[in-house]
Every structure is written in structure tokens, then in C-alpha cells.
Amino acid sequence: MTAICRAVDLHKTYWRGKVAVQALDGVSLEIVKNDYIAVMGPSGSGKSTLMHILGCLDAPTTGEYYLDGNLVSKMSDDSLAKIRNRYIGFVFQSFSLLPRLNALDNVALPLIYASIGRKERLEKSKAILAKVGLADRMNHRPNELSGGECQRVAVGRALITDPKIIFADEPTGNLDSKTGMEIMAMFDRLVEEGNTIVLVTHDLTIGKRARKMIKIMDGQVVND
């Protein structure tokens, strides 16, 4: 099966003044369609850096990264932005919703960048909100929604472009345990429907929900 993501010997170095910090140190991995992967590791292990590179939010210092067969590790920022919008959905711990927009418009936002007309945007967004259980909350703004509802809106926004892969960075970190399990149950259903999901988490309970676990320590994969 052709890999959606293929990383070859990724290194990432940050500079703090004159001190070099090696965030990734030779990471290689492949992610194929319908994978359900948890990337785990303690704070500072490099797991978020890895997600940012796999999600085309950052570029490696050295190494190659292919997304759907395209070498993206050498692309310009503008090209990466187009790739992100076309291929990738993101779900963040902090939800990252625009406070002035209601749920419907927050979900529709990626379609604006994809130059989709308003009528089609709204029709598709309504269908997605129904899918994540928020058909009756589409006109509510984030401050009128619970944390779990905000995360469902964020999941809907991640799904709206039919992405090749969804990256979820600590998706239950701001939720109570019951609501967190409801969000994880939704991820389970999305995988059953054929979606590809990569979770970044330090929580073993969340990590065990995935089909595969990748552990990162000191910028290296220590087990796979």
C-alpha cells in the first residue's frame, strides 16, 4: 500500500541563542491509508515537532518528507499552505476556533481558502455538523458551546476538505475525562469509516485507543 506520509531520516534543530537543540534526531516512518496511530512521549520528546513537520506546519532541517508521493520538505511556505488545505485536517487541544464566527462558519472556513462557493460551503458544513452531532448548534458561537462541543466543531472543520490524513494534537487535553472519551469514540468511528488519524498525546489511556503506537524519546523513535 502506498504511504500517505513517508519520512526519511528527519532531523530538526532549533537554536536558543548559541545553543543548538536537537528536537528530532533521525526519525523515519510511514503512515498508510486508514492507519490509526498514537505518537507518544513526554514533554520535550519531539512528538509535537514531528507532528508539525508531518502536518506541513514546519520543515525539517535535514531529511526528506513525502506527502501523498509529493516531496514537501523543500517546498515554499505558500506551497505548503496549499498542500495543508488540500490534504490535511488538524484538531488542536485549544480548539483554535474563531470566536466571532458561529459553528457553521468555523467549519466552513477551510472551504473559503479552497475557493468553494458560499452555497456549497454551507451545504457541506451543515452535513458535517450533523455528522459530528451538532446539527442543532450550528448557529452558536464558541463561547455559547461547551468544551466538548467546541472540539466537535474543530473535528468538523478538520473533515470538511475530505483530507488524506487528520492530525490531532492532545485532542482531549482541555476536556474532562467523560467528554474526552466521547471525542475519542468519535475518532474511533471516523477510522471505521476509512479516515486516517494520527494522535499526538502523552496520555496512555488515549494512546491505547489507537491501533498502533509510536513512542518518541529525545527526538528518536524508541519503539514502533
Protein backbone atom coordinates (compact mmCIF):
# COMPACT_ATOMS: atom_id res chain seq x y z
CA MET A 1 0.00 0.00 0.00
CA THR A 2 1.33 3.44 -0.94
CA ALA A 3 2.22 5.57 2.07
CA ILE A 4 0.29 8.78 2.67
CA CYS A 5 3.21 10.05 4.74
CA ARG A 6 6.81 8.90 4.38
CA ALA A 7 9.53 10.47 6.48
CA VAL A 8 13.17 9.63 5.80
CA ASP A 9 15.87 10.46 8.39
CA LEU A 10 14.26 13.66 9.67
CA HIS A 11 16.36 15.98 11.78
CA LYS A 12 15.18 19.25 13.28
CA THR A 13 17.49 21.66 15.07
CA TYR A 14 16.36 24.78 16.91
CA TRP A 15 18.70 27.46 18.18
CA ARG A 16 18.33 29.06 21.60
CA GLY A 17 20.90 31.78 21.35
CA LYS A 18 24.12 29.93 20.60
CA VAL A 19 22.83 26.60 21.89
CA ALA A 20 21.60 24.03 19.36
CA VAL A 21 18.58 21.95 20.46
CA GLN A 22 18.06 18.71 18.54
CA ALA A 23 14.27 18.29 18.51
CA LEU A 24 14.31 15.38 16.02
CA ASP A 25 17.28 13.10 15.53
CA GLY A 26 16.90 10.78 12.54
CA VAL A 27 13.18 9.89 12.51
CA SER A 28 11.93 7.64 9.70
CA LEU A 29 8.37 6.33 9.45
CA GLU A 30 5.48 5.58 7.12
CA ILE A 31 1.74 6.15 7.54
CA VAL A 32 -0.68 4.39 5.20
CA LYS A 33 -4.38 4.88 4.48
CA ASN A 34 -6.71 4.07 7.41
CA ASP A 35 -3.87 3.95 9.94
CA TYR A 36 -4.85 4.94 13.48
CA ILE A 37 -1.61 5.92 15.19
CA ALA A 38 -0.76 7.42 18.57
CA VAL A 39 2.53 9.30 18.75
CA MET A 40 3.52 9.28 22.42
CA GLY A 41 6.29 10.71 24.54
CA PRO A 42 6.93 13.05 27.47
CA SER A 43 7.05 16.83 27.18
CA GLY A 44 10.06 17.87 25.12
CA SER A 45 10.45 14.47 23.45
CA GLY A 46 9.90 15.83 19.95
CA LYS A 47 6.40 14.49 19.30
CA SER A 48 4.86 17.91 18.60
CA THR A 49 7.79 18.86 16.36
CA LEU A 50 7.23 15.65 14.42
CA MET A 51 3.51 16.42 14.03
CA HIS A 52 4.28 19.94 12.81
CA ILE A 53 6.57 18.56 10.12
CA LEU A 54 4.20 15.75 9.10
CA GLY A 55 1.38 18.33 9.04
CA CYS A 56 3.41 20.73 6.87
CA LEU A 57 3.41 23.40 9.57
CA ASP A 58 7.20 23.27 9.72
CA ALA A 59 10.09 21.90 7.66
CA PRO A 60 12.91 19.58 8.74
CA THR A 61 16.47 20.87 9.00
CA THR A 62 17.59 17.81 7.03
CA GLY A 63 15.88 14.68 5.73
CA GLU A 64 13.03 14.13 3.29
CA TYR A 65 9.29 14.13 3.82
CA TYR A 66 6.80 12.91 1.23
CA LEU A 67 3.05 13.54 1.49
CA ASP A 68 0.93 11.51 -0.91
CA GLY A 69 4.03 10.97 -3.03
CA ASN A 70 4.96 14.68 -3.15
CA LEU A 71 8.32 15.76 -1.75
CA VAL A 72 7.14 18.57 0.53
CA SER A 73 10.17 19.02 2.79
CA LYS A 74 11.72 21.51 0.34
CA MET A 75 8.54 23.42 -0.59
CA SER A 76 8.00 27.15 -0.05
CA ASP A 77 5.64 28.38 2.68
CA ASP A 78 2.98 29.27 0.09
CA SER A 79 3.14 25.79 -1.47
CA LEU A 80 2.96 24.17 1.95
CA ALA A 81 -0.16 26.20 2.79
CA LYS A 82 -1.89 24.88 -0.33
CA ILE A 83 -0.82 21.31 0.48
CA ARG A 84 -2.12 21.65 4.06
CA ASN A 85 -5.51 22.89 2.92
CA ARG A 86 -5.86 20.13 0.35
CA TYR A 87 -4.51 17.09 2.17
CA ILE A 88 -4.55 17.67 5.93
CA GLY A 89 -7.05 18.24 8.73
CA PHE A 90 -5.98 19.47 12.18
CA VAL A 91 -7.57 19.16 15.61
CA PHE A 92 -5.83 21.07 18.41
CA GLN A 93 -6.06 20.93 22.19
CA SER A 94 -7.17 24.57 22.32
CA PHE A 95 -9.84 24.07 19.57
CA SER A 96 -8.49 27.10 17.60
CA LEU A 97 -11.97 28.34 16.64
CA LEU A 98 -12.61 31.94 15.59
CA PRO A 99 -14.70 33.48 18.42
CA ARG A 100 -16.76 35.81 16.20
CA LEU A 101 -17.91 33.00 13.87
CA ASN A 102 -20.66 30.53 14.66
CA ALA A 103 -20.10 26.77 14.41
CA LEU A 104 -21.28 26.63 10.80
CA ASP A 105 -18.90 29.34 9.61
CA ASN A 106 -15.98 27.93 11.63
CA VAL A 107 -16.43 24.56 9.93
CA ALA A 108 -16.75 26.21 6.51
CA LEU A 109 -13.57 28.26 6.86
CA PRO A 110 -11.16 25.88 5.01
CA LEU A 111 -13.55 25.87 2.04
CA ILE A 112 -13.17 29.64 1.68
CA TYR A 113 -9.42 29.15 1.23
CA ALA A 114 -10.25 26.43 -1.32
CA SER A 115 -12.40 28.95 -3.27
CA ILE A 116 -15.63 26.96 -2.82
CA GLY A 117 -18.83 28.99 -3.37
CA ARG A 118 -20.93 30.03 -0.36
CA LYS A 119 -23.94 27.82 -1.14
CA GLU A 120 -21.81 24.70 -1.48
CA ARG A 121 -19.78 25.64 1.61
CA LEU A 122 -22.87 25.95 3.79
CA GLU A 123 -24.49 22.76 2.49
CA LYS A 124 -21.35 20.75 3.13
CA SER A 125 -20.78 22.35 6.54
CA LYS A 126 -24.34 21.56 7.66
CA ALA A 127 -23.82 17.92 6.67
CA ILE A 128 -20.52 17.75 8.56
CA LEU A 129 -22.02 19.31 11.71
CA ALA A 130 -24.80 16.74 11.59
CA LYS A 131 -22.14 14.03 11.31
CA VAL A 132 -20.40 15.21 14.49
CA GLY A 133 -23.69 15.57 16.38
CA LEU A 134 -24.12 19.35 16.28
CA ALA A 135 -26.93 19.89 13.79
CA ASP A 136 -28.87 21.84 16.44
CA ARG A 137 -25.91 24.03 17.48
CA MET A 138 -24.68 25.34 14.13
CA ASN A 139 -25.65 28.97 14.82
CA HIS A 140 -23.90 29.11 18.19
CA ARG A 141 -20.56 30.84 18.68
CA PRO A 142 -17.70 29.14 20.60
CA ASN A 143 -18.49 31.00 23.84
CA GLU A 144 -22.00 29.52 23.69
CA LEU A 145 -20.72 25.95 23.34
CA SER A 146 -19.25 23.50 25.84
CA GLY A 147 -15.65 22.33 25.52
CA GLY A 148 -16.77 19.05 24.02
CA GLU A 149 -18.98 20.85 21.50
CA CYS A 150 -16.10 23.16 20.54
CA GLN A 151 -13.90 20.14 19.90
CA ARG A 152 -16.63 18.58 17.76
CA VAL A 153 -16.71 21.79 15.70
CA ALA A 154 -12.92 21.52 15.37
CA VAL A 155 -13.25 17.91 14.19
CA GLY A 156 -15.88 19.00 11.68
CA ARG A 157 -13.56 21.70 10.37
CA ALA A 158 -10.79 19.09 10.02
CA LEU A 159 -13.11 16.83 8.00
CA ILE A 160 -14.61 19.46 5.70
CA THR A 161 -11.99 19.20 2.92
CA ASP A 162 -12.03 15.38 2.85
CA PRO A 163 -8.37 15.30 3.93
CA LYS A 164 -5.98 12.42 3.32
CA ILE A 165 -4.99 12.49 6.99
CA ILE A 166 -6.11 14.09 10.26
CA PHE A 167 -3.61 15.15 12.93
CA ALA A 168 -4.98 15.57 16.44
CA ASP A 169 -2.62 17.23 18.96
CA GLU A 170 -3.69 16.39 22.54
CA PRO A 171 -7.35 16.49 21.40
CA THR A 172 -8.73 15.72 24.87
CA GLY A 173 -6.26 17.86 26.84
CA ASN A 174 -8.79 20.61 27.67
CA LEU A 175 -11.72 18.27 28.33
CA ASP A 176 -12.95 16.35 31.36
CA SER A 177 -12.48 12.58 31.19
CA LYS A 178 -16.09 11.75 30.20
CA THR A 179 -16.14 14.33 27.39
CA GLY A 180 -12.67 13.23 26.30
CA MET A 181 -13.87 9.64 25.89
CA GLU A 182 -16.82 10.88 23.81
CA ILE A 183 -14.38 12.66 21.47
CA MET A 184 -12.23 9.53 21.29
CA ALA A 185 -15.30 7.44 20.44
CA MET A 186 -15.93 9.83 17.56
CA PHE A 187 -12.35 9.33 16.33
CA ASP A 188 -12.90 5.55 16.53
CA ARG A 189 -15.95 5.88 14.28
CA LEU A 190 -14.08 8.08 11.81
CA VAL A 191 -11.38 5.41 11.46
CA GLU A 192 -14.04 2.74 10.95
CA GLU A 193 -15.36 4.90 8.09
CA GLY A 194 -11.93 4.85 6.42
CA ASN A 195 -10.25 8.01 7.73
CA THR A 196 -6.54 8.11 8.64
CA ILE A 197 -5.80 9.63 12.06
CA VAL A 198 -2.59 10.42 13.93
CA LEU A 199 -2.99 11.35 17.61
CA VAL A 200 -0.24 13.16 19.50
CA THR A 201 -0.65 12.52 23.21
CA HIS A 202 1.19 11.91 26.47
CA ASP A 203 -1.88 10.13 27.91
CA LEU A 204 -1.53 6.33 27.76
CA THR A 205 -5.29 5.86 28.12
CA ILE A 206 -5.80 7.89 24.95
CA GLY A 207 -2.84 6.27 23.18
CA LYS A 208 -4.23 2.79 23.75
CA ARG A 209 -7.31 3.68 21.70
CA ALA A 210 -5.16 3.74 18.56
CA ARG A 211 -4.24 0.63 16.57
CA LYS A 212 -0.55 1.45 16.61
CA MET A 213 1.70 3.34 19.00
CA ILE A 214 4.93 5.19 18.15
CA LYS A 215 6.99 6.30 21.13
CA ILE A 216 9.35 9.29 20.79
CA MET A 217 12.16 9.95 23.24
CA ASP A 218 14.88 12.59 22.85
CA GLY A 219 13.90 13.15 19.23
CA GLN A 220 14.13 9.49 18.22
CA VAL A 221 11.60 6.68 17.68
CA VAL A 222 12.33 4.25 20.51
CA ASN A 223 9.64 1.73 19.64
CA ASP A 224 7.15 1.31 16.80
